[in-house]
Amino acid sequence: MQMKNVFIHHVYFWLKNADSSEDLADLVAGLEKLTACTTIQQYHIGKPAATSRDVIDGSYAVSWCLFFANKVDQDAYQTDAMHLHFIDTCQHLWNKVVVYDSVDV
């Protein structure tokens, strides 16, 4: 099923302590709290799948995929107090973050 008229915000996190199950759990817990943001329509918290091909980058620890109705809602999320609190309380867990935003072609 094709999704239309959505703004997708996909974030990939690399943990500072890649082997720490506690840090991984703390990051996921922080993301789960963030799901209460009212502009988020749908979300997915994931980890690398057990796939292996030359084009796949499975080096990240956690994937955070968000669906918004539009860019305005995504922009509101960026300044939402819950999002800012998440950054303040969890940024010590990661050493790299990559974001891919996309809209309909």
Foldseek 3Di string as FASTA:
>chain_A
DDDAQKKKKKKFFAFPPNPDPVLLVVLVVLVVVLVPLPQFPDKDKDAADPDDDPPDDRNTGIMIMTIGNDVVSVVCSCPDPSNVVSCVVNVNTGDDMDMDIDHDD
